[in-house]
């Protein structure tokens, strides 16, 4: 389902930290459109942290589908091509492709697969992810997204939200991979209040094994 040709070290950049932008990500444009059209939005639940606690603040909707090869959402509850995509993302071939691309050993990492949606006025504050998160890939699923709607991924040169190095719109069949470090600051810009669309994505986290 994924495009093997997209996972190349030539896509990797080292500024402002180690990351890569992939497009197209899927082997078949029709598959990408089917994933967008069948995104199981009704299964996602609201998630919010705005009290200043934790490593980041956010307003979003989320669903954890799989963790450590264990389905947390029944495959039969996922429509169309979604069970096949999750199965592939949990597999060794995908893990190996990401590891080769960013030159990071992921062989012992745990894998978590989540669906995320940022509704009107949804956002995510600047953060670097927890130290146990080694590599993350974000797949975007919006066939239409205007730059004026907000909601872009912002790769930052520091913890300052205004210190923006690169802006990545959440457009279908594109994805971003980044290696976690103490400098891997990133955020999601607020989705403007008059936008009728959710910002939708799939997140795959490769995390260090349990101590």
N, C-alpha and C. Protein backbone atom coordinates (compact mmCIF):
# COMPACT_ATOMS: atom_id res chain seq x y z
N UNK A 1 0.82 -1.21 0.00
CA UNK A 1 0.00 0.00 0.00
C UNK A 1 0.86 1.27 0.00
N UNK A 2 2.01 1.20 0.69
CA UNK A 2 2.91 2.34 0.72
C UNK A 2 3.86 2.30 -0.47
N UNK A 3 4.36 3.45 -0.86
CA UNK A 3 5.31 3.54 -1.97
C UNK A 3 6.71 3.28 -1.46
N UNK A 4 7.30 2.17 -1.86
CA UNK A 4 8.66 1.84 -1.41
C UNK A 4 9.65 2.90 -1.88
N UNK A 5 9.41 3.46 -3.03
CA UNK A 5 10.34 4.45 -3.59
C UNK A 5 10.39 5.73 -2.76
N UNK A 6 9.34 6.01 -1.98
CA UNK A 6 9.30 7.24 -1.19
C UNK A 6 10.28 7.20 -0.02
N UNK A 7 10.60 6.00 0.45
CA UNK A 7 11.42 5.87 1.65
C UNK A 7 12.90 5.83 1.27
N UNK A 8 13.42 6.99 0.91
CA UNK A 8 14.80 7.11 0.47
C UNK A 8 15.56 8.09 1.35
N UNK A 9 16.81 7.80 1.60
CA UNK A 9 17.63 8.69 2.43
C UNK A 9 17.82 10.05 1.79
N UNK A 10 17.59 10.14 0.48
CA UNK A 10 17.71 11.44 -0.20
C UNK A 10 16.66 12.43 0.29
N UNK A 11 15.58 11.93 0.88
CA UNK A 11 14.53 12.82 1.38
C UNK A 11 14.86 13.40 2.75
N UNK A 12 15.87 12.87 3.41
CA UNK A 12 16.16 13.26 4.79
C UNK A 12 16.92 14.58 4.83
N UNK A 13 16.52 15.43 5.76
CA UNK A 13 17.18 16.71 6.00
C UNK A 13 17.60 16.77 7.47
N UNK A 14 18.60 17.58 7.74
CA UNK A 14 19.13 17.66 9.10
C UNK A 14 18.89 19.01 9.76
N UNK A 15 18.14 19.88 9.10
CA UNK A 15 17.84 21.20 9.66
C UNK A 15 16.33 21.42 9.63
N UNK A 16 15.69 21.85 10.72
CA UNK A 16 16.27 22.22 12.01
C UNK A 16 16.59 21.03 12.90
N UNK A 17 16.17 19.82 12.47
CA UNK A 17 16.53 18.57 13.12
C UNK A 17 16.38 17.51 12.05
N UNK A 18 16.56 16.25 12.36
CA UNK A 18 16.54 15.19 11.34
C UNK A 18 15.09 14.85 11.00
N UNK A 19 14.71 15.09 9.72
CA UNK A 19 13.34 14.85 9.30
C UNK A 19 13.31 14.61 7.80
N UNK A 20 12.18 14.16 7.31
CA UNK A 20 12.00 13.92 5.88
C UNK A 20 10.56 14.19 5.48
N UNK A 21 10.37 14.71 4.29
CA UNK A 21 9.05 14.91 3.70
C UNK A 21 8.90 13.96 2.53
N UNK A 22 7.83 13.16 2.54
CA UNK A 22 7.61 12.14 1.52
C UNK A 22 6.36 12.45 0.72
N UNK A 23 6.46 12.41 -0.61
CA UNK A 23 5.30 12.60 -1.47
C UNK A 23 5.66 12.08 -2.87
N UNK A 24 4.80 11.23 -3.45
CA UNK A 24 3.64 10.61 -2.81
C UNK A 24 4.07 9.52 -1.84
N UNK A 25 3.25 9.28 -0.85
CA UNK A 25 3.55 8.27 0.16
C UNK A 25 2.97 6.92 -0.20
N UNK A 26 1.79 6.93 -0.84
CA UNK A 26 1.11 5.68 -1.16
C UNK A 26 1.41 5.25 -2.59
N UNK A 27 1.40 3.94 -2.81
CA UNK A 27 1.73 3.40 -4.12
C UNK A 27 0.67 3.70 -5.16
N UNK A 28 -0.57 3.90 -4.73
CA UNK A 28 -1.69 4.10 -5.64
C UNK A 28 -2.48 5.33 -5.20
N UNK A 29 -2.59 6.37 -6.05
CA UNK A 29 -3.38 7.55 -5.68
C UNK A 29 -4.82 7.22 -5.34
N UNK A 30 -5.38 6.20 -6.01
CA UNK A 30 -6.76 5.81 -5.72
C UNK A 30 -6.89 5.29 -4.30
N UNK A 31 -5.88 4.58 -3.83
CA UNK A 31 -5.89 4.09 -2.45
C UNK A 31 -5.86 5.26 -1.47
N UNK A 32 -5.02 6.25 -1.75
CA UNK A 32 -4.95 7.42 -0.88
C UNK A 32 -6.31 8.10 -0.79
N UNK A 33 -6.96 8.24 -1.92
CA UNK A 33 -8.29 8.88 -1.93
C UNK A 33 -9.31 8.04 -1.17
N UNK A 34 -9.20 6.71 -1.27
CA UNK A 34 -10.12 5.83 -0.54
C UNK A 34 -9.90 5.94 0.96
N UNK A 35 -8.66 6.03 1.40
CA UNK A 35 -8.37 6.21 2.82
C UNK A 35 -8.96 7.52 3.33
N UNK A 36 -8.82 8.57 2.54
CA UNK A 36 -9.38 9.86 2.94
C UNK A 36 -10.89 9.81 3.00
N UNK A 37 -11.51 9.17 2.01
CA UNK A 37 -12.97 9.12 1.93
C UNK A 37 -13.59 8.27 3.03
N UNK A 38 -12.84 7.28 3.52
CA UNK A 38 -13.39 6.35 4.52
C UNK A 38 -12.79 6.57 5.91
N UNK A 39 -12.11 7.69 6.11
CA UNK A 39 -11.52 7.98 7.42
C UNK A 39 -12.59 7.81 8.50
N UNK A 40 -12.36 6.94 9.50
CA UNK A 40 -13.42 6.62 10.48
C UNK A 40 -13.57 7.69 11.55
N UNK A 41 -13.97 8.87 11.13
CA UNK A 41 -14.03 10.02 12.03
C UNK A 41 -14.94 9.78 13.23
N UNK A 42 -15.99 8.98 13.03
CA UNK A 42 -16.94 8.75 14.11
C UNK A 42 -16.37 7.96 15.28
N UNK A 43 -15.23 7.30 15.09
CA UNK A 43 -14.62 6.50 16.16
C UNK A 43 -13.70 7.32 17.05
N UNK A 44 -13.29 8.50 16.60
CA UNK A 44 -12.34 9.30 17.36
C UNK A 44 -13.02 10.00 18.52
N UNK A 45 -12.29 10.16 19.61
CA UNK A 45 -12.82 10.82 20.81
C UNK A 45 -12.04 12.09 21.09
N UNK A 46 -12.72 13.06 21.67
CA UNK A 46 -12.09 14.34 21.99
C UNK A 46 -10.96 14.15 23.00
N UNK A 47 -9.87 14.87 22.78
CA UNK A 47 -8.73 14.85 23.69
C UNK A 47 -8.26 16.29 23.85
N UNK A 48 -8.13 16.73 25.09
CA UNK A 48 -7.81 18.13 25.33
C UNK A 48 -6.93 18.26 26.57
N UNK A 49 -5.90 19.10 26.47
CA UNK A 49 -5.11 19.49 27.62
C UNK A 49 -4.73 20.95 27.44
N UNK A 50 -5.32 21.79 28.24
CA UNK A 50 -5.10 23.23 28.12
C UNK A 50 -4.80 23.88 29.46
N UNK A 51 -4.44 23.06 30.46
CA UNK A 51 -4.25 23.57 31.81
C UNK A 51 -2.79 23.83 32.16
N UNK A 52 -1.90 23.71 31.17
CA UNK A 52 -0.48 23.97 31.40
C UNK A 52 0.29 22.79 31.94
N UNK A 53 -0.37 21.66 32.16
CA UNK A 53 0.31 20.46 32.67
C UNK A 53 0.92 19.67 31.51
N UNK A 54 1.79 18.72 31.84
CA UNK A 54 2.35 17.85 30.82
C UNK A 54 3.37 18.53 29.94
N UNK A 55 3.85 17.79 28.93
CA UNK A 55 4.89 18.31 28.05
C UNK A 55 4.34 19.13 26.90
N UNK A 56 3.01 19.10 26.71
CA UNK A 56 2.42 19.85 25.62
C UNK A 56 0.95 20.09 25.92
N UNK A 57 0.38 21.06 25.19
CA UNK A 57 -1.03 21.39 25.28
C UNK A 57 -1.69 21.10 23.93
N UNK A 58 -2.98 20.76 23.93
CA UNK A 58 -3.61 20.42 22.66
C UNK A 58 -5.12 20.41 22.78
N UNK A 59 -5.74 20.56 21.62
CA UNK A 59 -7.18 20.33 21.43
C UNK A 59 -7.29 19.53 20.14
N UNK A 60 -7.78 18.28 20.23
CA UNK A 60 -7.84 17.40 19.06
C UNK A 60 -8.85 16.30 19.31
N UNK A 61 -8.96 15.38 18.35
CA UNK A 61 -9.69 14.13 18.53
C UNK A 61 -8.74 13.00 18.15
N UNK A 62 -8.85 11.86 18.82
CA UNK A 62 -7.83 10.84 18.66
C UNK A 62 -8.41 9.44 18.84
N UNK A 63 -7.75 8.47 18.21
CA UNK A 63 -8.10 7.06 18.38
C UNK A 63 -6.83 6.24 18.25
N UNK A 64 -6.46 5.49 19.29
CA UNK A 64 -5.34 4.57 19.20
C UNK A 64 -5.85 3.26 18.63
N UNK A 65 -5.31 2.87 17.49
CA UNK A 65 -5.79 1.68 16.79
C UNK A 65 -4.99 0.44 17.17
N UNK A 66 -3.68 0.60 17.32
CA UNK A 66 -2.83 -0.54 17.64
C UNK A 66 -1.66 -0.08 18.50
N UNK A 67 -1.28 -0.95 19.44
CA UNK A 67 -0.09 -0.70 20.25
C UNK A 67 0.60 -2.03 20.51
N UNK A 68 1.90 -2.09 20.19
CA UNK A 68 2.70 -3.29 20.45
C UNK A 68 2.06 -4.53 19.82
N UNK A 69 1.65 -4.39 18.57
CA UNK A 69 1.06 -5.49 17.78
C UNK A 69 -0.29 -5.95 18.30
N UNK A 70 -0.88 -5.19 19.20
CA UNK A 70 -2.19 -5.55 19.75
C UNK A 70 -3.23 -4.54 19.26
N UNK A 71 -4.27 -5.07 18.64
CA UNK A 71 -5.35 -4.21 18.15
C UNK A 71 -6.13 -3.65 19.34
N UNK A 72 -6.22 -2.34 19.44
CA UNK A 72 -7.05 -1.70 20.46
C UNK A 72 -8.38 -1.26 19.89
N UNK A 73 -8.45 -1.20 18.57
CA UNK A 73 -9.70 -0.98 17.85
C UNK A 73 -9.91 -2.18 16.95
N UNK A 74 -11.03 -2.85 17.03
CA UNK A 74 -11.26 -4.07 16.26
C UNK A 74 -11.14 -3.79 14.77
N UNK A 75 -10.40 -4.61 14.02
CA UNK A 75 -10.27 -4.41 12.58
C UNK A 75 -11.62 -4.31 11.87
N UNK A 76 -12.60 -5.07 12.34
CA UNK A 76 -13.93 -5.05 11.71
C UNK A 76 -14.63 -3.72 11.89
N UNK A 77 -14.17 -2.91 12.85
CA UNK A 77 -14.77 -1.59 13.05
C UNK A 77 -14.20 -0.54 12.10
N UNK A 78 -13.12 -0.90 11.41
CA UNK A 78 -12.48 0.03 10.49
C UNK A 78 -12.96 -0.23 9.07
N UNK A 79 -13.29 0.82 8.33
CA UNK A 79 -13.88 0.64 7.01
C UNK A 79 -12.83 0.45 5.91
N UNK A 80 -13.29 -0.06 4.77
CA UNK A 80 -12.52 -0.08 3.54
C UNK A 80 -11.10 -0.59 3.71
N UNK A 81 -10.11 0.18 3.24
CA UNK A 81 -8.72 -0.28 3.25
C UNK A 81 -8.00 -0.09 4.59
N UNK A 82 -8.68 0.41 5.60
CA UNK A 82 -7.99 0.76 6.84
C UNK A 82 -7.36 -0.42 7.57
N UNK A 83 -8.02 -1.57 7.71
CA UNK A 83 -7.34 -2.69 8.38
C UNK A 83 -6.05 -3.10 7.67
N UNK A 84 -6.06 -3.06 6.35
CA UNK A 84 -4.86 -3.41 5.59
C UNK A 84 -3.73 -2.42 5.82
N UNK A 85 -4.07 -1.13 5.88
CA UNK A 85 -3.04 -0.12 6.13
C UNK A 85 -2.42 -0.30 7.51
N UNK A 86 -3.25 -0.49 8.53
CA UNK A 86 -2.73 -0.65 9.89
C UNK A 86 -1.84 -1.89 9.98
N UNK A 87 -2.26 -2.97 9.34
CA UNK A 87 -1.45 -4.19 9.34
C UNK A 87 -0.09 -3.94 8.71
N UNK A 88 -0.07 -3.20 7.61
CA UNK A 88 1.21 -2.91 6.95
C UNK A 88 2.09 -2.01 7.83
N UNK A 89 1.49 -1.02 8.47
CA UNK A 89 2.26 -0.12 9.32
C UNK A 89 2.84 -0.83 10.54
N UNK A 90 2.23 -1.92 10.95
CA UNK A 90 2.72 -2.69 12.10
C UNK A 90 3.74 -3.74 11.68
N UNK A 91 4.02 -3.85 10.38
CA UNK A 91 4.86 -4.92 9.88
C UNK A 91 6.34 -4.58 9.82
N UNK A 92 7.15 -5.62 9.64
CA UNK A 92 8.60 -5.47 9.62
C UNK A 92 9.10 -4.73 8.39
N UNK A 93 8.45 -4.92 7.25
CA UNK A 93 8.93 -4.27 6.03
C UNK A 93 8.86 -2.75 6.14
N UNK A 94 7.76 -2.25 6.69
CA UNK A 94 7.63 -0.81 6.90
C UNK A 94 8.64 -0.31 7.92
N UNK A 95 8.76 -1.01 9.04
CA UNK A 95 9.73 -0.64 10.08
C UNK A 95 11.14 -0.53 9.47
N UNK A 96 11.51 -1.54 8.68
CA UNK A 96 12.85 -1.57 8.09
C UNK A 96 13.05 -0.41 7.11
N UNK A 97 12.00 -0.08 6.35
CA UNK A 97 12.11 1.01 5.38
C UNK A 97 12.35 2.35 6.08
N UNK A 98 11.63 2.59 7.17
CA UNK A 98 11.83 3.82 7.94
C UNK A 98 13.21 3.84 8.56
N UNK A 99 13.64 2.72 9.13
CA UNK A 99 14.94 2.65 9.79
C UNK A 99 16.07 2.93 8.81
N UNK A 100 16.00 2.35 7.61
CA UNK A 100 17.03 2.59 6.60
C UNK A 100 17.05 4.05 6.17
N UNK A 101 15.87 4.63 6.02
CA UNK A 101 15.79 5.99 5.52
C UNK A 101 16.45 6.98 6.48
N UNK A 102 16.14 6.87 7.77
CA UNK A 102 16.66 7.85 8.74
C UNK A 102 17.91 7.37 9.45
N UNK A 103 18.35 6.14 9.12
CA UNK A 103 19.57 5.57 9.70
C UNK A 103 19.49 5.49 11.22
N UNK A 104 18.38 4.91 11.70
CA UNK A 104 18.17 4.71 13.12
C UNK A 104 17.71 3.27 13.33
N UNK A 105 18.28 2.58 14.28
CA UNK A 105 17.89 1.20 14.58
C UNK A 105 16.54 1.19 15.30
N UNK A 106 15.54 0.61 14.64
CA UNK A 106 14.20 0.54 15.22
C UNK A 106 13.81 -0.90 15.55
N UNK A 107 14.75 -1.81 15.47
CA UNK A 107 14.42 -3.23 15.57
C UNK A 107 13.77 -3.62 16.89
N UNK A 108 14.11 -2.94 17.98
CA UNK A 108 13.55 -3.30 19.28
C UNK A 108 12.43 -2.35 19.72
N UNK A 109 12.05 -1.42 18.85
CA UNK A 109 11.06 -0.41 19.23
C UNK A 109 9.65 -0.96 19.28
N UNK A 110 8.87 -0.41 20.18
CA UNK A 110 7.43 -0.65 20.21
C UNK A 110 6.77 0.26 19.19
N UNK A 111 5.62 -0.15 18.67
CA UNK A 111 4.92 0.62 17.64
C UNK A 111 3.52 0.96 18.12
N UNK A 112 3.16 2.22 17.96
CA UNK A 112 1.80 2.67 18.25
C UNK A 112 1.25 3.37 17.01
N UNK A 113 0.01 3.06 16.66
CA UNK A 113 -0.63 3.65 15.48
C UNK A 113 -1.90 4.35 15.95
N UNK A 114 -1.97 5.66 15.64
CA UNK A 114 -3.11 6.47 16.08
C UNK A 114 -3.69 7.25 14.92
N UNK A 115 -4.99 7.48 14.98
CA UNK A 115 -5.66 8.40 14.08
C UNK A 115 -5.90 9.70 14.83
N UNK A 116 -5.65 10.82 14.17
CA UNK A 116 -5.82 12.12 14.81
C UNK A 116 -6.61 13.06 13.90
N UNK A 117 -7.42 13.88 14.51
CA UNK A 117 -8.16 14.91 13.78
C UNK A 117 -8.15 16.19 14.60
N UNK A 118 -7.86 17.28 13.94
CA UNK A 118 -7.92 18.60 14.58
C UNK A 118 -9.14 19.33 14.04
N UNK A 119 -10.16 19.50 14.87
CA UNK A 119 -11.38 20.18 14.44
C UNK A 119 -11.17 21.69 14.43
N UNK A 120 -12.23 22.42 14.18
CA UNK A 120 -12.17 23.87 14.27
C UNK A 120 -11.58 24.30 15.60
N UNK A 121 -10.56 25.16 15.54
CA UNK A 121 -9.83 25.67 16.69
C UNK A 121 -9.01 24.58 17.41
N UNK A 122 -8.76 23.46 16.74
CA UNK A 122 -7.85 22.46 17.27
C UNK A 122 -6.42 22.90 17.05
N UNK A 123 -5.49 22.45 17.93
CA UNK A 123 -4.10 22.87 17.85
C UNK A 123 -3.24 21.98 18.72
N UNK A 124 -1.93 22.14 18.56
CA UNK A 124 -0.96 21.39 19.36
C UNK A 124 0.23 22.31 19.63
N UNK A 125 0.59 22.48 20.88
CA UNK A 125 1.65 23.41 21.24
C UNK A 125 3.03 22.87 20.89
N UNK A 126 4.01 23.75 20.90
CA UNK A 126 5.40 23.38 20.61
C UNK A 126 5.90 22.36 21.64
N UNK A 127 6.53 21.28 21.15
CA UNK A 127 7.06 20.24 22.02
C UNK A 127 8.08 19.42 21.25
N UNK A 128 8.78 18.53 21.93
CA UNK A 128 9.78 17.68 21.30
C UNK A 128 9.43 16.19 21.40
N UNK A 129 8.29 15.83 21.89
CA UNK A 129 7.89 14.45 22.16
C UNK A 129 8.67 13.90 23.36
N UNK A 130 8.11 12.87 23.95
CA UNK A 130 8.76 12.24 25.10
C UNK A 130 10.09 11.59 24.67
N UNK A 131 11.05 11.47 25.57
CA UNK A 131 12.35 10.88 25.21
C UNK A 131 12.25 9.44 24.69
N UNK A 132 11.20 8.70 25.08
CA UNK A 132 11.10 7.32 24.62
C UNK A 132 10.64 7.21 23.17
N UNK A 133 10.09 8.29 22.60
CA UNK A 133 9.66 8.25 21.21
C UNK A 133 10.87 8.48 20.30
N UNK A 134 11.24 7.47 19.56
CA UNK A 134 12.48 7.49 18.78
C UNK A 134 12.25 8.14 17.41
N UNK A 135 11.25 7.65 16.69
CA UNK A 135 10.91 8.16 15.35
C UNK A 135 9.40 8.20 15.22
N UNK A 136 8.89 9.21 14.54
CA UNK A 136 7.45 9.35 14.27
C UNK A 136 7.24 9.61 12.78
N UNK A 137 6.22 8.99 12.23
CA UNK A 137 5.77 9.35 10.88
C UNK A 137 4.31 9.78 10.95
N UNK A 138 4.01 10.88 10.26
CA UNK A 138 2.65 11.41 10.19
C UNK A 138 2.20 11.37 8.74
N UNK A 139 1.09 10.67 8.48
CA UNK A 139 0.50 10.58 7.14
C UNK A 139 -0.71 11.51 7.09
N UNK A 140 -0.78 12.36 6.06
CA UNK A 140 -1.87 13.33 5.98
C UNK A 140 -2.96 12.86 5.02
N UNK A 141 -4.21 13.22 5.37
CA UNK A 141 -5.36 12.63 4.69
C UNK A 141 -6.41 13.65 4.26
N UNK A 142 -6.01 14.88 4.00
CA UNK A 142 -6.95 15.89 3.52
C UNK A 142 -6.75 16.13 2.03
N UNK A 143 -7.77 15.78 1.23
CA UNK A 143 -7.67 16.01 -0.21
C UNK A 143 -7.63 17.50 -0.53
N UNK A 144 -8.22 18.28 0.33
CA UNK A 144 -8.26 19.72 0.13
C UNK A 144 -7.81 20.40 1.42
N UNK A 145 -6.86 21.34 1.30
CA UNK A 145 -6.47 22.10 2.47
C UNK A 145 -5.82 23.41 2.03
N UNK A 146 -6.47 24.51 2.34
CA UNK A 146 -5.96 25.83 1.98
C UNK A 146 -4.98 26.31 3.04
N UNK A 147 -3.90 26.96 2.61
CA UNK A 147 -2.90 27.45 3.56
C UNK A 147 -3.50 28.42 4.56
N UNK A 148 -4.55 29.13 4.16
CA UNK A 148 -5.18 30.10 5.05
C UNK A 148 -6.04 29.48 6.13
N UNK A 149 -6.22 28.17 6.11
CA UNK A 149 -7.05 27.50 7.11
C UNK A 149 -6.29 27.21 8.40
N UNK A 150 -4.97 27.41 8.43
CA UNK A 150 -4.18 27.01 9.59
C UNK A 150 -3.95 25.51 9.56
N UNK A 151 -3.69 24.92 10.72
CA UNK A 151 -3.59 23.47 10.82
C UNK A 151 -2.33 22.85 10.27
N UNK A 152 -1.37 23.65 9.83
CA UNK A 152 -0.14 23.09 9.27
C UNK A 152 0.79 22.60 10.37
N UNK A 153 1.58 21.59 10.04
CA UNK A 153 2.67 21.19 10.91
C UNK A 153 3.76 22.26 10.81
N UNK A 154 4.25 22.71 11.95
CA UNK A 154 5.32 23.70 11.96
C UNK A 154 6.56 23.08 12.58
N UNK A 155 7.63 22.97 11.81
CA UNK A 155 8.92 22.53 12.32
C UNK A 155 9.65 23.77 12.81
N UNK A 156 10.07 23.75 14.06
CA UNK A 156 10.58 24.94 14.72
C UNK A 156 12.08 24.84 14.98
N UNK A 157 12.73 25.97 14.95
CA UNK A 157 14.17 26.03 15.24
C UNK A 157 14.46 26.16 16.73
N UNK A 158 13.41 26.35 17.53
CA UNK A 158 13.56 26.45 18.98
C UNK A 158 12.19 26.20 19.61
N UNK A 159 12.09 26.38 20.91
CA UNK A 159 10.82 26.21 21.61
C UNK A 159 9.84 27.34 21.36
N UNK A 160 10.31 28.39 20.74
CA UNK A 160 9.49 29.55 20.43
C UNK A 160 8.53 29.23 19.28
N UNK A 161 7.22 29.35 19.51
CA UNK A 161 6.21 29.03 18.48
C UNK A 161 6.40 29.87 17.21
N UNK A 162 7.01 31.03 17.35
CA UNK A 162 7.19 31.91 16.20
C UNK A 162 8.48 31.64 15.44
N UNK A 163 9.31 30.75 15.96
CA UNK A 163 10.59 30.46 15.32
C UNK A 163 10.42 29.33 14.31
N UNK A 164 9.62 29.61 13.28
CA UNK A 164 9.21 28.57 12.32
C UNK A 164 10.27 28.41 11.22
N UNK A 165 10.72 27.18 11.06
CA UNK A 165 11.68 26.87 10.00
C UNK A 165 10.98 26.38 8.74
N UNK A 166 10.01 25.47 8.91
CA UNK A 166 9.32 24.87 7.77
C UNK A 166 7.86 24.66 8.13
N UNK A 167 6.98 24.91 7.16
CA UNK A 167 5.55 24.69 7.33
C UNK A 167 5.13 23.59 6.37
N UNK A 168 4.43 22.57 6.89
CA UNK A 168 4.00 21.43 6.07
C UNK A 168 2.48 21.35 6.11
N UNK A 169 1.80 21.61 4.98
CA UNK A 169 0.33 21.51 4.97
C UNK A 169 -0.10 20.05 5.02
N UNK A 170 -1.27 19.76 5.60
CA UNK A 170 -1.72 18.37 5.78
C UNK A 170 -2.43 17.80 4.55
N UNK A 171 -1.73 17.75 3.43
CA UNK A 171 -2.34 17.35 2.18
C UNK A 171 -2.23 15.85 1.94
N UNK A 172 -3.27 15.29 1.37
CA UNK A 172 -3.36 13.86 1.08
C UNK A 172 -2.15 13.37 0.30
N UNK A 173 -1.69 12.18 0.68
CA UNK A 173 -0.59 11.47 0.01
C UNK A 173 0.77 12.09 0.28
N UNK A 174 0.86 12.94 1.32
CA UNK A 174 2.15 13.41 1.80
C UNK A 174 2.32 12.94 3.24
N UNK A 175 3.56 12.88 3.67
CA UNK A 175 3.84 12.48 5.05
C UNK A 175 5.15 13.10 5.49
N UNK A 176 5.35 13.10 6.79
CA UNK A 176 6.57 13.62 7.39
C UNK A 176 7.09 12.59 8.38
N UNK A 177 8.39 12.36 8.34
CA UNK A 177 9.08 11.50 9.30
C UNK A 177 10.07 12.36 10.07
N UNK A 178 10.12 12.23 11.38
CA UNK A 178 11.16 12.95 12.10
C UNK A 178 11.72 12.11 13.25
N UNK A 179 13.00 12.34 13.51
CA UNK A 179 13.73 11.65 14.57
C UNK A 179 13.68 12.53 15.81
N UNK A 180 13.24 11.96 16.89
CA UNK A 180 13.12 12.72 18.13
C UNK A 180 14.50 13.09 18.67
N UNK A 181 14.65 14.34 19.12
CA UNK A 181 15.85 14.80 19.80
C UNK A 181 15.44 15.93 20.74
N UNK A 182 16.39 16.43 21.49
CA UNK A 182 16.09 17.56 22.37
C UNK A 182 15.82 18.83 21.57
N UNK A 183 16.12 18.81 20.27
CA UNK A 183 15.91 19.98 19.41
C UNK A 183 14.76 19.81 18.43
N UNK A 184 14.03 18.71 18.51
CA UNK A 184 13.00 18.43 17.51
C UNK A 184 11.67 19.12 17.85
N UNK A 185 11.71 20.42 17.97
CA UNK A 185 10.53 21.20 18.31
C UNK A 185 9.58 21.28 17.13
N UNK A 186 8.30 21.01 17.40
CA UNK A 186 7.29 21.09 16.35
C UNK A 186 5.93 21.37 16.99
N UNK A 187 5.00 21.84 16.18
CA UNK A 187 3.66 22.16 16.68
C UNK A 187 2.68 22.06 15.52
N UNK A 188 1.40 22.14 15.84
CA UNK A 188 0.34 22.22 14.83
C UNK A 188 -0.38 23.55 15.02
N UNK A 189 -0.38 24.34 13.97
CA UNK A 189 -1.04 25.65 14.03
C UNK A 189 -2.54 25.48 14.25
N UNK A 190 -3.18 26.39 14.96
CA UNK A 190 -4.62 26.30 15.18
C UNK A 190 -5.40 26.27 13.87
N UNK A 191 -6.40 25.39 13.81
CA UNK A 191 -7.33 25.39 12.68
C UNK A 191 -8.30 26.55 12.87
N UNK A 192 -8.44 27.39 11.86
CA UNK A 192 -9.24 28.59 11.99
C UNK A 192 -10.71 28.25 12.26
N UNK A 193 -11.37 29.11 13.01
CA UNK A 193 -12.72 28.83 13.49
C UNK A 193 -13.75 28.74 12.38
N UNK A 194 -13.49 29.30 11.21
CA UNK A 194 -14.47 29.27 10.13
C UNK A 194 -14.21 28.15 9.13
N UNK A 195 -13.30 27.24 9.45
CA UNK A 195 -12.98 26.13 8.54
C UNK A 195 -13.96 24.98 8.78
N UNK A 196 -14.53 24.47 7.69
CA UNK A 196 -15.53 23.42 7.81
C UNK A 196 -14.92 22.02 7.82
N UNK A 197 -13.61 21.91 7.59
CA UNK A 197 -12.96 20.61 7.49
C UNK A 197 -12.09 20.32 8.71
N UNK A 198 -11.99 19.05 9.08
CA UNK A 198 -11.03 18.63 10.08
C UNK A 198 -9.68 18.39 9.42
N UNK A 199 -8.63 18.60 10.17
CA UNK A 199 -7.28 18.20 9.73
C UNK A 199 -7.09 16.76 10.18
N UNK A 200 -6.89 15.84 9.24
CA UNK A 200 -6.86 14.41 9.55
C UNK A 200 -5.52 13.79 9.23
N UNK A 201 -5.11 12.84 10.07
CA UNK A 201 -3.80 12.21 9.88
C UNK A 201 -3.74 10.86 10.58
N UNK A 202 -2.72 10.10 10.21
CA UNK A 202 -2.34 8.86 10.90
C UNK A 202 -0.95 9.08 11.47
N UNK A 203 -0.76 8.74 12.73
CA UNK A 203 0.55 8.85 13.38
C UNK A 203 1.06 7.45 13.71
N UNK A 204 2.32 7.21 13.38
CA UNK A 204 3.02 5.99 13.78
C UNK A 204 4.20 6.41 14.65
N UNK A 205 4.20 5.92 15.89
CA UNK A 205 5.30 6.21 16.82
C UNK A 205 6.13 4.93 17.02
N UNK A 206 7.43 5.05 16.82
CA UNK A 206 8.37 3.99 17.20
C UNK A 206 9.01 4.42 18.52
N UNK A 207 8.78 3.66 19.57
CA UNK A 207 9.21 4.05 20.91
C UNK A 207 10.18 3.03 21.49
N UNK A 208 11.05 3.50 22.37
CA UNK A 208 12.01 2.63 23.04
C UNK A 208 11.29 1.53 23.80
N UNK A 209 11.87 0.34 23.90
CA UNK A 209 11.24 -0.73 24.67
C UNK A 209 11.11 -0.36 26.13
N UNK A 210 10.18 -1.01 26.80
CA UNK A 210 9.97 -0.77 28.21
C UNK A 210 11.23 -1.10 28.99
N UNK A 211 11.58 -0.27 30.02
CA UNK A 211 12.79 -0.58 30.82
C UNK A 211 12.62 -1.87 31.59
